[in-house]
Amino acid sequence: MPLLVFLDISSLKIGELKKLVEEGKVKYIGLSEASALTIRRAHAVHPITAVQLEWSLWTRDVEEEIIPTCRELGIGIVAYSPLGRGFFSSGPKVVETFSGGDFRKLVPRLQPGNLEHNTRLFERVKDMANRKGCTPSQLALAWVHHQGSDVCPIPGTTKIENFNDNIGALSVKLTKEDTVELESIASADAVKGSRCPTDMKTWETSDTPPLSTWKAAA
């Protein structure tokens, strides 16, 4: 039996997954890339256990409505790409690792022009990491860890050395002053380029059914 099924916002209706839970085929239901309204509507049909979303130092728009909604409803937060799709691990050199079909080739933030601009951001994070005695990736990952006990970051890891580096982030302690400095470095105004291609479906571009269609959980 699947322990947790993450439902993409364009997939099956929550009501259908609710039936699977009732039949004992699924234990928990999660959402991925869902807006605050979509989360509320889904949660009214069946309790949502976790919401998967992109959250990192340079992707913080979810903090306005989605994170508060999850916390109001008691929903866990699974933060994917907490290292900015590898940018906070390698800086501009990350583009040299892309294979032919790598999705990141299409990410505007990693395109020429934007990449050079954002590299200055990386260098400031790197300088701070040097002062803290850790790597830039550990510092960026530690920032996500410090967002709360309800947050579980899931950095993509394919090499054992990167895995060990990620584990080391748990030992990085951030003061309030550290957090303020990091967030000022990677503010929305400081980052150039969007987080994903314009034709990619995200919580920002997906329609949420009107309130008149909502049904309360039985």
N, C-alpha and C. Protein backbone atom coordinates (compact mmCIF):
# COMPACT_ATOMS: atom_id res chain seq x y z
N MET A 1 0.84 -1.19 0.00
CA MET A 1 0.00 0.00 0.00
C MET A 1 0.88 1.24 0.00
N PRO A 2 0.68 2.20 -0.91
CA PRO A 2 1.46 3.43 -0.90
C PRO A 2 1.24 4.18 0.41
N LEU A 3 2.35 4.64 1.02
CA LEU A 3 2.22 5.36 2.27
C LEU A 3 1.70 6.78 2.04
N LEU A 4 2.27 7.44 1.04
CA LEU A 4 1.86 8.81 0.73
C LEU A 4 1.84 9.00 -0.76
N VAL A 5 0.72 9.44 -1.29
CA VAL A 5 0.60 9.72 -2.71
C VAL A 5 0.54 11.23 -2.90
N PHE A 6 1.51 11.78 -3.68
CA PHE A 6 1.49 13.20 -4.00
C PHE A 6 0.70 13.39 -5.28
N LEU A 7 -0.30 14.24 -5.22
CA LEU A 7 -1.19 14.45 -6.35
C LEU A 7 -0.84 15.75 -7.04
N ASP A 8 -0.44 15.66 -8.30
CA ASP A 8 -0.19 16.85 -9.09
C ASP A 8 -1.51 17.57 -9.31
N ILE A 9 -1.47 18.91 -9.34
CA ILE A 9 -2.68 19.70 -9.43
C ILE A 9 -3.47 19.45 -10.70
N SER A 10 -2.85 18.85 -11.70
CA SER A 10 -3.55 18.61 -12.95
C SER A 10 -4.08 17.18 -13.05
N SER A 11 -3.93 16.39 -11.98
CA SER A 11 -4.27 14.97 -12.05
C SER A 11 -5.66 14.68 -11.48
N LEU A 12 -5.80 13.49 -10.88
CA LEU A 12 -7.08 13.04 -10.38
C LEU A 12 -7.70 13.99 -9.37
N LYS A 13 -9.01 13.91 -9.22
CA LYS A 13 -9.70 14.70 -8.22
C LYS A 13 -9.45 14.10 -6.84
N ILE A 14 -9.47 14.97 -5.83
CA ILE A 14 -9.24 14.52 -4.47
C ILE A 14 -10.30 13.51 -4.05
N GLY A 15 -11.53 13.70 -4.52
CA GLY A 15 -12.59 12.77 -4.16
C GLY A 15 -12.27 11.34 -4.55
N GLU A 16 -11.58 11.16 -5.68
CA GLU A 16 -11.22 9.81 -6.12
C GLU A 16 -10.14 9.22 -5.22
N LEU A 17 -9.19 10.05 -4.80
CA LEU A 17 -8.16 9.56 -3.89
C LEU A 17 -8.74 9.28 -2.51
N LYS A 18 -9.75 10.07 -2.13
CA LYS A 18 -10.42 9.81 -0.85
C LYS A 18 -11.00 8.40 -0.84
N LYS A 19 -11.54 7.97 -1.97
CA LYS A 19 -12.09 6.62 -2.06
C LYS A 19 -10.99 5.58 -1.87
N LEU A 20 -9.81 5.85 -2.44
CA LEU A 20 -8.69 4.92 -2.30
C LEU A 20 -8.23 4.82 -0.85
N VAL A 21 -8.28 5.95 -0.13
CA VAL A 21 -7.92 5.92 1.29
C VAL A 21 -8.94 5.08 2.05
N GLU A 22 -10.21 5.29 1.75
CA GLU A 22 -11.27 4.54 2.42
C GLU A 22 -11.19 3.04 2.13
N GLU A 23 -10.67 2.72 0.94
CA GLU A 23 -10.51 1.31 0.56
C GLU A 23 -9.23 0.70 1.10
N GLY A 24 -8.40 1.52 1.76
CA GLY A 24 -7.16 1.03 2.33
C GLY A 24 -6.03 0.89 1.33
N LYS A 25 -6.17 1.48 0.15
CA LYS A 25 -5.15 1.37 -0.88
C LYS A 25 -4.11 2.49 -0.78
N VAL A 26 -4.47 3.57 -0.14
CA VAL A 26 -3.58 4.71 0.04
C VAL A 26 -3.70 5.15 1.50
N LYS A 27 -2.57 5.50 2.12
CA LYS A 27 -2.59 5.91 3.52
C LYS A 27 -2.80 7.42 3.67
N TYR A 28 -2.00 8.19 2.93
CA TYR A 28 -2.07 9.65 3.05
C TYR A 28 -2.11 10.29 1.66
N ILE A 29 -2.59 11.53 1.61
CA ILE A 29 -2.66 12.27 0.35
C ILE A 29 -1.85 13.56 0.47
N GLY A 30 -1.07 13.85 -0.56
CA GLY A 30 -0.32 15.10 -0.60
C GLY A 30 -0.59 15.82 -1.91
N LEU A 31 -0.31 17.10 -1.94
CA LEU A 31 -0.46 17.91 -3.15
C LEU A 31 0.90 18.45 -3.58
N SER A 32 1.06 18.68 -4.87
CA SER A 32 2.29 19.26 -5.39
C SER A 32 1.96 20.48 -6.24
N GLU A 33 2.68 21.60 -5.99
CA GLU A 33 2.49 22.83 -6.75
C GLU A 33 1.01 23.26 -6.74
N ALA A 34 0.45 23.34 -5.56
CA ALA A 34 -0.96 23.75 -5.42
C ALA A 34 -1.04 25.15 -4.81
N SER A 35 -2.00 25.94 -5.27
CA SER A 35 -2.21 27.27 -4.71
C SER A 35 -2.88 27.16 -3.35
N ALA A 36 -2.92 28.25 -2.62
CA ALA A 36 -3.56 28.26 -1.31
C ALA A 36 -5.03 27.88 -1.41
N LEU A 37 -5.71 28.40 -2.42
CA LEU A 37 -7.14 28.09 -2.59
C LEU A 37 -7.35 26.61 -2.93
N THR A 38 -6.48 26.08 -3.77
CA THR A 38 -6.57 24.67 -4.12
C THR A 38 -6.34 23.79 -2.89
N ILE A 39 -5.39 24.17 -2.08
CA ILE A 39 -5.11 23.42 -0.86
C ILE A 39 -6.33 23.42 0.05
N ARG A 40 -6.95 24.57 0.22
CA ARG A 40 -8.13 24.66 1.08
C ARG A 40 -9.27 23.81 0.52
N ARG A 41 -9.47 23.87 -0.77
CA ARG A 41 -10.56 23.11 -1.38
C ARG A 41 -10.33 21.61 -1.24
N ALA A 42 -9.08 21.18 -1.47
CA ALA A 42 -8.76 19.76 -1.36
C ALA A 42 -8.90 19.29 0.08
N HIS A 43 -8.43 20.10 1.00
CA HIS A 43 -8.46 19.73 2.42
C HIS A 43 -9.90 19.62 2.94
N ALA A 44 -10.80 20.36 2.30
CA ALA A 44 -12.21 20.28 2.70
C ALA A 44 -12.84 18.96 2.28
N VAL A 45 -12.27 18.34 1.24
CA VAL A 45 -12.78 17.05 0.77
C VAL A 45 -12.16 15.91 1.57
N HIS A 46 -10.85 15.98 1.76
CA HIS A 46 -10.14 14.97 2.56
C HIS A 46 -8.88 15.62 3.11
N PRO A 47 -8.53 15.35 4.39
CA PRO A 47 -7.33 15.95 4.98
C PRO A 47 -6.07 15.72 4.13
N ILE A 48 -5.37 16.79 3.87
CA ILE A 48 -4.12 16.72 3.12
C ILE A 48 -2.97 16.61 4.12
N THR A 49 -2.10 15.64 3.91
CA THR A 49 -1.00 15.40 4.85
C THR A 49 0.19 16.31 4.59
N ALA A 50 0.52 16.50 3.32
CA ALA A 50 1.70 17.31 2.99
C ALA A 50 1.51 18.01 1.65
N VAL A 51 2.18 19.13 1.51
CA VAL A 51 2.21 19.86 0.24
C VAL A 51 3.65 20.00 -0.19
N GLN A 52 3.93 19.59 -1.42
CA GLN A 52 5.27 19.69 -1.99
C GLN A 52 5.35 20.95 -2.82
N LEU A 53 6.36 21.76 -2.55
CA LEU A 53 6.50 23.03 -3.25
C LEU A 53 7.95 23.42 -3.36
N GLU A 54 8.25 24.31 -4.28
CA GLU A 54 9.63 24.79 -4.41
C GLU A 54 9.86 25.90 -3.41
N TRP A 55 10.87 25.72 -2.56
CA TRP A 55 11.16 26.71 -1.52
C TRP A 55 12.65 26.72 -1.26
N SER A 56 13.26 27.84 -1.47
CA SER A 56 14.69 27.98 -1.24
C SER A 56 14.99 29.45 -1.01
N LEU A 57 16.25 29.76 -0.81
CA LEU A 57 16.65 31.15 -0.59
C LEU A 57 16.18 32.08 -1.71
N TRP A 58 16.17 31.57 -2.94
CA TRP A 58 15.79 32.46 -4.04
C TRP A 58 14.42 32.13 -4.63
N THR A 59 13.65 31.31 -3.96
CA THR A 59 12.26 31.04 -4.36
C THR A 59 11.40 31.10 -3.10
N ARG A 60 10.85 32.29 -2.83
CA ARG A 60 10.19 32.50 -1.55
C ARG A 60 8.77 33.03 -1.69
N ASP A 61 8.23 33.02 -2.92
CA ASP A 61 6.87 33.54 -3.11
C ASP A 61 5.82 32.71 -2.38
N VAL A 62 6.14 31.46 -2.06
CA VAL A 62 5.17 30.60 -1.36
C VAL A 62 4.93 31.07 0.07
N GLU A 63 5.79 31.94 0.56
CA GLU A 63 5.67 32.40 1.94
C GLU A 63 4.49 33.35 2.14
N GLU A 64 4.01 33.93 1.06
CA GLU A 64 2.94 34.92 1.18
C GLU A 64 1.60 34.29 1.57
N GLU A 65 1.20 33.22 0.87
CA GLU A 65 -0.10 32.62 1.15
C GLU A 65 -0.03 31.11 1.40
N ILE A 66 0.80 30.41 0.64
CA ILE A 66 0.78 28.94 0.70
C ILE A 66 1.31 28.41 2.03
N ILE A 67 2.45 28.89 2.48
CA ILE A 67 3.00 28.42 3.75
C ILE A 67 2.05 28.72 4.91
N PRO A 68 1.52 29.95 5.02
CA PRO A 68 0.57 30.22 6.11
C PRO A 68 -0.68 29.34 6.04
N THR A 69 -1.14 29.03 4.84
CA THR A 69 -2.31 28.16 4.69
C THR A 69 -2.01 26.76 5.20
N CYS A 70 -0.85 26.23 4.81
CA CYS A 70 -0.46 24.90 5.27
C CYS A 70 -0.39 24.85 6.79
N ARG A 71 0.17 25.88 7.39
CA ARG A 71 0.32 25.88 8.84
C ARG A 71 -1.01 26.08 9.56
N GLU A 72 -1.87 26.84 8.96
CA GLU A 72 -3.21 27.00 9.54
C GLU A 72 -3.96 25.68 9.56
N LEU A 73 -3.78 24.88 8.52
CA LEU A 73 -4.50 23.62 8.38
C LEU A 73 -3.74 22.43 8.95
N GLY A 74 -2.52 22.66 9.44
CA GLY A 74 -1.74 21.57 10.01
C GLY A 74 -1.17 20.63 8.97
N ILE A 75 -0.81 21.17 7.80
CA ILE A 75 -0.28 20.37 6.70
C ILE A 75 1.24 20.48 6.65
N GLY A 76 1.92 19.34 6.52
CA GLY A 76 3.36 19.34 6.42
C GLY A 76 3.84 19.94 5.11
N ILE A 77 5.06 20.45 5.11
CA ILE A 77 5.62 21.13 3.95
C ILE A 77 6.86 20.39 3.46
N VAL A 78 6.85 19.95 2.21
CA VAL A 78 7.99 19.27 1.60
C VAL A 78 8.61 20.22 0.59
N ALA A 79 9.79 20.73 0.91
CA ALA A 79 10.43 21.74 0.07
C ALA A 79 11.37 21.09 -0.94
N TYR A 80 10.99 21.13 -2.21
CA TYR A 80 11.89 20.59 -3.23
C TYR A 80 12.76 21.70 -3.81
N SER A 81 13.84 21.32 -4.42
CA SER A 81 14.85 22.26 -4.95
C SER A 81 15.29 23.28 -3.89
N PRO A 82 15.59 22.83 -2.66
CA PRO A 82 16.02 23.77 -1.62
C PRO A 82 17.38 24.39 -1.90
N LEU A 83 18.10 23.82 -2.88
CA LEU A 83 19.41 24.36 -3.25
C LEU A 83 19.34 25.11 -4.58
N GLY A 84 18.13 25.56 -4.94
CA GLY A 84 17.99 26.35 -6.16
C GLY A 84 18.39 25.60 -7.40
N ARG A 85 17.95 24.32 -7.49
CA ARG A 85 18.27 23.45 -8.63
C ARG A 85 19.78 23.30 -8.82
N GLY A 86 20.49 23.27 -7.68
CA GLY A 86 21.93 23.06 -7.72
C GLY A 86 22.76 24.32 -7.74
N PHE A 87 22.10 25.48 -7.89
CA PHE A 87 22.83 26.73 -8.00
C PHE A 87 23.60 27.05 -6.72
N PHE A 88 23.02 26.77 -5.56
CA PHE A 88 23.69 27.08 -4.31
C PHE A 88 24.74 26.03 -3.93
N SER A 89 24.87 25.01 -4.75
CA SER A 89 25.93 24.03 -4.56
C SER A 89 27.18 24.40 -5.36
N SER A 90 26.96 24.78 -6.62
CA SER A 90 28.08 25.00 -7.53
C SER A 90 28.16 26.40 -8.10
N GLY A 91 27.16 27.23 -7.85
CA GLY A 91 27.15 28.54 -8.45
C GLY A 91 27.00 28.44 -9.96
N PRO A 92 27.59 29.34 -10.73
CA PRO A 92 27.43 29.32 -12.19
C PRO A 92 27.97 28.06 -12.86
N LYS A 93 28.85 27.35 -12.18
CA LYS A 93 29.41 26.13 -12.76
C LYS A 93 28.38 25.02 -12.90
N VAL A 94 27.23 25.19 -12.24
CA VAL A 94 26.22 24.14 -12.31
C VAL A 94 25.76 23.89 -13.74
N VAL A 95 25.78 24.93 -14.58
CA VAL A 95 25.32 24.76 -15.96
C VAL A 95 26.25 23.86 -16.76
N GLU A 96 27.50 23.71 -16.30
CA GLU A 96 28.45 22.85 -17.00
C GLU A 96 28.15 21.37 -16.78
N THR A 97 27.28 21.07 -15.82
CA THR A 97 26.95 19.67 -15.50
C THR A 97 25.69 19.20 -16.20
N PHE A 98 25.00 20.09 -16.91
CA PHE A 98 23.73 19.72 -17.52
C PHE A 98 23.94 18.75 -18.67
N SER A 99 23.16 17.69 -18.67
CA SER A 99 23.19 16.74 -19.79
C SER A 99 22.25 17.23 -20.88
N GLY A 100 22.17 16.50 -21.98
CA GLY A 100 21.38 16.94 -23.12
C GLY A 100 19.93 17.23 -22.81
N GLY A 101 19.29 16.39 -22.00
CA GLY A 101 17.88 16.58 -21.72
C GLY A 101 17.59 17.19 -20.37
N ASP A 102 18.58 17.83 -19.76
CA ASP A 102 18.39 18.40 -18.42
C ASP A 102 17.38 19.53 -18.46
N PHE A 103 16.34 19.41 -17.64
CA PHE A 103 15.28 20.41 -17.56
C PHE A 103 15.82 21.80 -17.21
N ARG A 104 16.90 21.82 -16.43
CA ARG A 104 17.42 23.10 -15.95
C ARG A 104 17.96 24.00 -17.07
N LYS A 105 18.20 23.42 -18.24
CA LYS A 105 18.63 24.24 -19.37
C LYS A 105 17.58 25.27 -19.75
N LEU A 106 16.34 25.02 -19.36
CA LEU A 106 15.23 25.90 -19.72
C LEU A 106 14.86 26.87 -18.60
N VAL A 107 15.51 26.75 -17.45
CA VAL A 107 15.19 27.62 -16.33
C VAL A 107 15.74 29.02 -16.58
N PRO A 108 14.88 30.05 -16.63
CA PRO A 108 15.33 31.41 -16.94
C PRO A 108 16.44 31.93 -16.02
N ARG A 109 16.42 31.55 -14.75
CA ARG A 109 17.44 32.05 -13.82
C ARG A 109 18.84 31.56 -14.16
N LEU A 110 18.90 30.47 -14.92
CA LEU A 110 20.18 29.88 -15.26
C LEU A 110 20.59 30.16 -16.70
N GLN A 111 19.87 31.08 -17.34
CA GLN A 111 20.18 31.46 -18.72
C GLN A 111 21.23 32.56 -18.73
N PRO A 112 22.00 32.65 -19.84
CA PRO A 112 22.99 33.72 -19.96
C PRO A 112 22.36 35.08 -19.68
N GLY A 113 23.09 35.94 -19.03
CA GLY A 113 22.55 37.25 -18.65
C GLY A 113 22.01 37.17 -17.24
N ASN A 114 20.98 36.39 -17.05
CA ASN A 114 20.45 36.18 -15.71
C ASN A 114 21.46 35.46 -14.82
N LEU A 115 22.14 34.48 -15.40
CA LEU A 115 23.10 33.69 -14.63
C LEU A 115 24.23 34.57 -14.11
N GLU A 116 24.74 35.44 -14.96
CA GLU A 116 25.83 36.32 -14.54
C GLU A 116 25.37 37.24 -13.40
N HIS A 117 24.15 37.74 -13.52
CA HIS A 117 23.60 38.60 -12.47
C HIS A 117 23.45 37.83 -11.16
N ASN A 118 22.89 36.64 -11.23
CA ASN A 118 22.63 35.85 -10.03
C ASN A 118 23.91 35.29 -9.40
N THR A 119 24.98 35.24 -10.20
CA THR A 119 26.25 34.77 -9.66
C THR A 119 26.74 35.69 -8.55
N ARG A 120 26.45 36.96 -8.66
CA ARG A 120 26.85 37.90 -7.61
C ARG A 120 26.14 37.56 -6.30
N LEU A 121 24.93 37.09 -6.41
CA LEU A 121 24.18 36.64 -5.24
C LEU A 121 24.87 35.42 -4.62
N PHE A 122 25.25 34.48 -5.47
CA PHE A 122 25.92 33.27 -4.99
C PHE A 122 27.22 33.61 -4.28
N GLU A 123 27.97 34.55 -4.83
CA GLU A 123 29.26 34.91 -4.24
C GLU A 123 29.08 35.48 -2.83
N ARG A 124 28.00 36.21 -2.62
CA ARG A 124 27.73 36.77 -1.28
C ARG A 124 27.34 35.65 -0.31
N VAL A 125 26.56 34.68 -0.79
CA VAL A 125 26.23 33.53 0.05
C VAL A 125 27.49 32.74 0.37
N LYS A 126 28.35 32.60 -0.62
CA LYS A 126 29.61 31.87 -0.44
C LYS A 126 30.50 32.56 0.60
N ASP A 127 30.56 33.89 0.54
CA ASP A 127 31.36 34.64 1.51
C ASP A 127 30.83 34.42 2.93
N MET A 128 29.51 34.42 3.07
CA MET A 128 28.92 34.21 4.38
C MET A 128 29.18 32.79 4.86
N ALA A 129 29.10 31.83 3.94
CA ALA A 129 29.37 30.43 4.29
C ALA A 129 30.81 30.28 4.79
N ASN A 130 31.74 30.97 4.16
CA ASN A 130 33.13 30.92 4.61
C ASN A 130 33.26 31.42 6.04
N ARG A 131 32.52 32.48 6.35
CA ARG A 131 32.56 33.02 7.72
C ARG A 131 31.94 32.05 8.72
N LYS A 132 30.95 31.28 8.26
CA LYS A 132 30.27 30.33 9.14
C LYS A 132 31.00 28.99 9.22
N GLY A 133 32.01 28.80 8.36
CA GLY A 133 32.75 27.55 8.36
C GLY A 133 31.99 26.40 7.74
N CYS A 134 31.20 26.70 6.70
CA CYS A 134 30.44 25.65 6.02
C CYS A 134 30.45 25.93 4.51
N THR A 135 29.84 25.06 3.74
CA THR A 135 29.76 25.26 2.30
C THR A 135 28.52 26.10 1.97
N PRO A 136 28.49 26.72 0.78
CA PRO A 136 27.30 27.49 0.39
C PRO A 136 26.03 26.63 0.39
N SER A 137 26.15 25.40 -0.07
CA SER A 137 24.98 24.52 -0.10
C SER A 137 24.49 24.21 1.31
N GLN A 138 25.41 24.01 2.24
CA GLN A 138 25.01 23.75 3.62
C GLN A 138 24.31 24.96 4.22
N LEU A 139 24.80 26.14 3.89
CA LEU A 139 24.19 27.37 4.40
C LEU A 139 22.78 27.54 3.85
N ALA A 140 22.63 27.33 2.54
CA ALA A 140 21.32 27.46 1.91
C ALA A 140 20.34 26.42 2.43
N LEU A 141 20.83 25.20 2.64
CA LEU A 141 19.97 24.13 3.13
C LEU A 141 19.62 24.36 4.61
N ALA A 142 20.57 24.88 5.36
CA ALA A 142 20.31 25.18 6.77
C ALA A 142 19.22 26.22 6.89
N TRP A 143 19.20 27.18 5.97
CA TRP A 143 18.15 28.21 6.00
C TRP A 143 16.77 27.56 5.87
N VAL A 144 16.63 26.59 4.99
CA VAL A 144 15.35 25.91 4.83
C VAL A 144 15.01 25.12 6.09
N HIS A 145 16.00 24.43 6.66
CA HIS A 145 15.78 23.67 7.89
C HIS A 145 15.28 24.58 9.01
N HIS A 146 15.78 25.80 9.04
CA HIS A 146 15.43 26.73 10.11
C HIS A 146 14.04 27.35 9.94
N GLN A 147 13.36 27.01 8.87
CA GLN A 147 12.03 27.59 8.66
C GLN A 147 10.96 26.96 9.55
N GLY A 148 11.25 25.82 10.13
CA GLY A 148 10.29 25.21 11.04
C GLY A 148 10.36 23.70 11.06
N SER A 149 9.87 23.11 12.14
CA SER A 149 9.88 21.66 12.27
C SER A 149 8.88 20.98 11.35
N ASP A 150 8.00 21.76 10.73
CA ASP A 150 7.02 21.19 9.81
C ASP A 150 7.52 21.17 8.38
N VAL A 151 8.79 21.54 8.18
CA VAL A 151 9.38 21.63 6.84
C VAL A 151 10.39 20.50 6.64
N CYS A 152 10.26 19.78 5.53
CA CYS A 152 11.19 18.71 5.19
C CYS A 152 11.78 19.00 3.80
N PRO A 153 13.01 19.51 3.73
CA PRO A 153 13.63 19.77 2.43
C PRO A 153 14.08 18.47 1.77
N ILE A 154 13.97 18.40 0.46
CA ILE A 154 14.38 17.19 -0.27
C ILE A 154 15.35 17.57 -1.40
N PRO A 155 16.61 17.82 -1.06
CA PRO A 155 17.59 18.15 -2.10
C PRO A 155 17.87 16.94 -2.99
N GLY A 156 17.96 17.18 -4.27
CA GLY A 156 18.30 16.10 -5.19
C GLY A 156 19.75 15.71 -5.01
N THR A 157 20.02 14.44 -4.76
CA THR A 157 21.39 14.00 -4.48
C THR A 157 21.71 12.73 -5.26
N THR A 158 22.78 12.77 -6.06
CA THR A 158 23.19 11.60 -6.84
C THR A 158 24.59 11.12 -6.47
N LYS A 159 25.31 11.90 -5.67
CA LYS A 159 26.68 11.52 -5.30
C LYS A 159 26.80 11.48 -3.78
N ILE A 160 27.57 10.52 -3.29
CA ILE A 160 27.70 10.32 -1.85
C ILE A 160 28.32 11.54 -1.18
N GLU A 161 29.25 12.22 -1.87
CA GLU A 161 29.86 13.39 -1.25
C GLU A 161 28.85 14.52 -1.07
N ASN A 162 27.90 14.63 -2.02
CA ASN A 162 26.85 15.64 -1.88
C ASN A 162 25.90 15.27 -0.76
N PHE A 163 25.64 13.96 -0.64
CA PHE A 163 24.79 13.49 0.45
C PHE A 163 25.40 13.86 1.81
N ASN A 164 26.67 13.61 1.95
CA ASN A 164 27.36 13.93 3.20
C ASN A 164 27.36 15.43 3.47
N ASP A 165 27.51 16.20 2.40
CA ASP A 165 27.48 17.66 2.53
C ASP A 165 26.11 18.11 3.02
N ASN A 166 25.05 17.51 2.46
CA ASN A 166 23.70 17.86 2.87
C ASN A 166 23.45 17.52 4.34
N ILE A 167 23.94 16.36 4.76
CA ILE A 167 23.79 15.97 6.16
C ILE A 167 24.48 16.98 7.08
N GLY A 168 25.62 17.49 6.61
CA GLY A 168 26.36 18.47 7.40
C GLY A 168 25.59 19.75 7.66
N ALA A 169 24.60 20.03 6.81
CA ALA A 169 23.79 21.24 6.98
C ALA A 169 23.02 21.23 8.29
N LEU A 170 22.75 20.03 8.82
CA LEU A 170 22.00 19.92 10.07
C LEU A 170 22.78 20.50 11.24
N SER A 171 24.09 20.61 11.08
CA SER A 171 24.93 21.13 12.16
C SER A 171 25.16 22.63 12.06
N VAL A 172 24.67 23.24 10.99
CA VAL A 172 24.85 24.68 10.80
C VAL A 172 23.75 25.43 11.55
N LYS A 173 24.15 26.25 12.50
CA LYS A 173 23.20 27.01 13.29
C LYS A 173 23.15 28.47 12.81
N LEU A 174 21.95 28.96 12.64
CA LEU A 174 21.77 30.33 12.16
C LEU A 174 21.16 31.20 13.25
N THR A 175 21.75 32.36 13.46
CA THR A 175 21.18 33.33 14.38
C THR A 175 20.13 34.16 13.64
N LYS A 176 19.40 34.96 14.35
CA LYS A 176 18.43 35.85 13.70
C LYS A 176 19.14 36.80 12.75
N GLU A 177 20.33 37.23 13.16
CA GLU A 177 21.11 38.13 12.31
C GLU A 177 21.55 37.43 11.03
N ASP A 178 21.94 36.16 11.15
CA ASP A 178 22.32 35.37 9.97
C ASP A 178 21.14 35.27 9.00
N THR A 179 19.97 34.98 9.55
CA THR A 179 18.78 34.81 8.71
C THR A 179 18.44 36.10 7.98
N VAL A 180 18.51 37.21 8.70
CA VAL A 180 18.22 38.51 8.08
C VAL A 180 19.20 38.79 6.95
N GLU A 181 20.48 38.51 7.20
CA GLU A 181 21.51 38.76 6.17
C GLU A 181 21.27 37.89 4.94
N LEU A 182 21.00 36.61 5.16
CA LEU A 182 20.76 35.69 4.04
C LEU A 182 19.57 36.13 3.21
N GLU A 183 18.50 36.48 3.90
CA GLU A 183 17.27 36.85 3.19
C GLU A 183 17.40 38.18 2.46
N SER A 184 18.26 39.05 2.96
CA SER A 184 18.50 40.32 2.26
C SER A 184 19.34 40.08 1.01
N ILE A 185 20.26 39.12 1.09
CA ILE A 185 21.10 38.78 -0.07
C ILE A 185 20.24 38.23 -1.20
N ALA A 186 19.35 37.31 -0.84
CA ALA A 186 18.55 36.61 -1.85
C ALA A 186 17.10 37.09 -1.88
N SER A 187 16.91 38.38 -1.74
CA SER A 187 15.56 38.92 -1.79
C SER A 187 14.99 38.78 -3.21
N ALA A 188 13.68 38.91 -3.32
CA ALA A 188 13.03 38.77 -4.63
C ALA A 188 13.58 39.77 -5.63
N ASP A 189 13.89 40.97 -5.17
CA ASP A 189 14.41 42.01 -6.07
C ASP A 189 15.83 41.70 -6.53
N ALA A 190 16.54 40.87 -5.75
CA ALA A 190 17.94 40.59 -6.08
C ALA A 190 18.08 39.49 -7.13
N VAL A 191 17.07 38.62 -7.23
CA VAL A 191 17.13 37.48 -8.15
C VAL A 191 16.59 37.89 -9.51
N LYS A 192 17.29 37.50 -10.56
CA LYS A 192 16.88 37.84 -11.91
C LYS A 192 16.45 36.59 -12.67
N GLY A 193 15.23 36.60 -13.21
CA GLY A 193 14.71 35.46 -13.95
C GLY A 193 13.74 34.65 -13.11
N SER A 194 12.76 34.05 -13.76
CA SER A 194 11.77 33.24 -13.05
C SER A 194 12.33 31.86 -12.73
N ARG A 195 11.65 31.14 -11.86
CA ARG A 195 12.14 29.85 -11.37
C ARG A 195 11.92 28.71 -12.34
N CYS A 196 11.03 28.87 -13.31
CA CYS A 196 10.73 27.80 -14.25
C CYS A 196 10.28 28.38 -15.58
N PRO A 197 10.30 27.60 -16.65
CA PRO A 197 9.87 28.08 -17.96
C PRO A 197 8.42 28.58 -17.92
N THR A 198 8.10 29.55 -18.77
CA THR A 198 6.78 30.16 -18.75
C THR A 198 5.67 29.19 -19.11
N ASP A 199 5.98 28.12 -19.85
CA ASP A 199 4.93 27.18 -20.25
C ASP A 199 4.77 26.03 -19.24
N MET A 200 5.50 26.08 -18.15
CA MET A 200 5.39 25.03 -17.14
C MET A 200 4.21 25.33 -16.22
N LYS A 201 3.42 24.31 -15.94
CA LYS A 201 2.25 24.48 -15.10
C LYS A 201 2.67 24.48 -13.63
N THR A 202 2.33 25.55 -12.92
CA THR A 202 2.66 25.67 -11.50
C THR A 202 1.43 26.16 -10.75
N TRP A 203 1.57 26.34 -9.45
CA TRP A 203 0.45 26.84 -8.65
C TRP A 203 0.03 28.24 -9.09
N GLU A 204 0.93 28.96 -9.71
CA GLU A 204 0.63 30.32 -10.15
C GLU A 204 -0.24 30.35 -11.41
N THR A 205 -0.18 29.30 -12.20
CA THR A 205 -0.89 29.31 -13.49
C THR A 205 -2.03 28.31 -13.58
N SER A 206 -2.24 27.53 -12.54
CA SER A 206 -3.30 26.51 -12.57
C SER A 206 -4.59 27.07 -11.99
N ASP A 207 -5.67 26.76 -12.65
CA ASP A 207 -6.98 27.25 -12.21
C ASP A 207 -7.45 26.50 -10.97
N THR A 208 -8.10 27.22 -10.08
CA THR A 208 -8.75 26.63 -8.92
C THR A 208 -10.25 26.76 -9.11
N PRO A 209 -11.02 25.67 -9.00
CA PRO A 209 -12.47 25.74 -9.17
C PRO A 209 -13.09 26.76 -8.23
N PRO A 210 -14.19 27.37 -8.62
CA PRO A 210 -14.84 28.38 -7.78
C PRO A 210 -15.34 27.82 -6.46
N LEU A 211 -15.49 28.69 -5.48
CA LEU A 211 -15.91 28.28 -4.15
C LEU A 211 -17.26 27.55 -4.16
N SER A 212 -18.11 27.89 -5.13
CA SER A 212 -19.44 27.28 -5.19
C SER A 212 -19.38 25.79 -5.41
N THR A 213 -18.23 25.28 -5.87
CA THR A 213 -18.11 23.84 -6.14
C THR A 213 -17.50 23.07 -4.96
N TRP A 214 -17.10 23.78 -3.91
CA TRP A 214 -16.44 23.13 -2.79
C TRP A 214 -17.42 22.21 -2.05
N LYS A 215 -16.90 21.12 -1.53
CA LYS A 215 -17.68 20.22 -0.69
C LYS A 215 -16.93 19.95 0.61
N ALA A 216 -17.62 20.06 1.70
CA ALA A 216 -17.00 19.83 3.00
C ALA A 216 -16.75 18.35 3.19
N ALA A 217 -15.70 18.02 3.94
CA ALA A 217 -15.39 16.63 4.22
C ALA A 217 -16.48 16.03 5.10
N ALA A 218 -16.82 14.78 4.83
CA ALA A 218 -17.87 14.12 5.62
C ALA A 218 -17.36 13.81 7.01
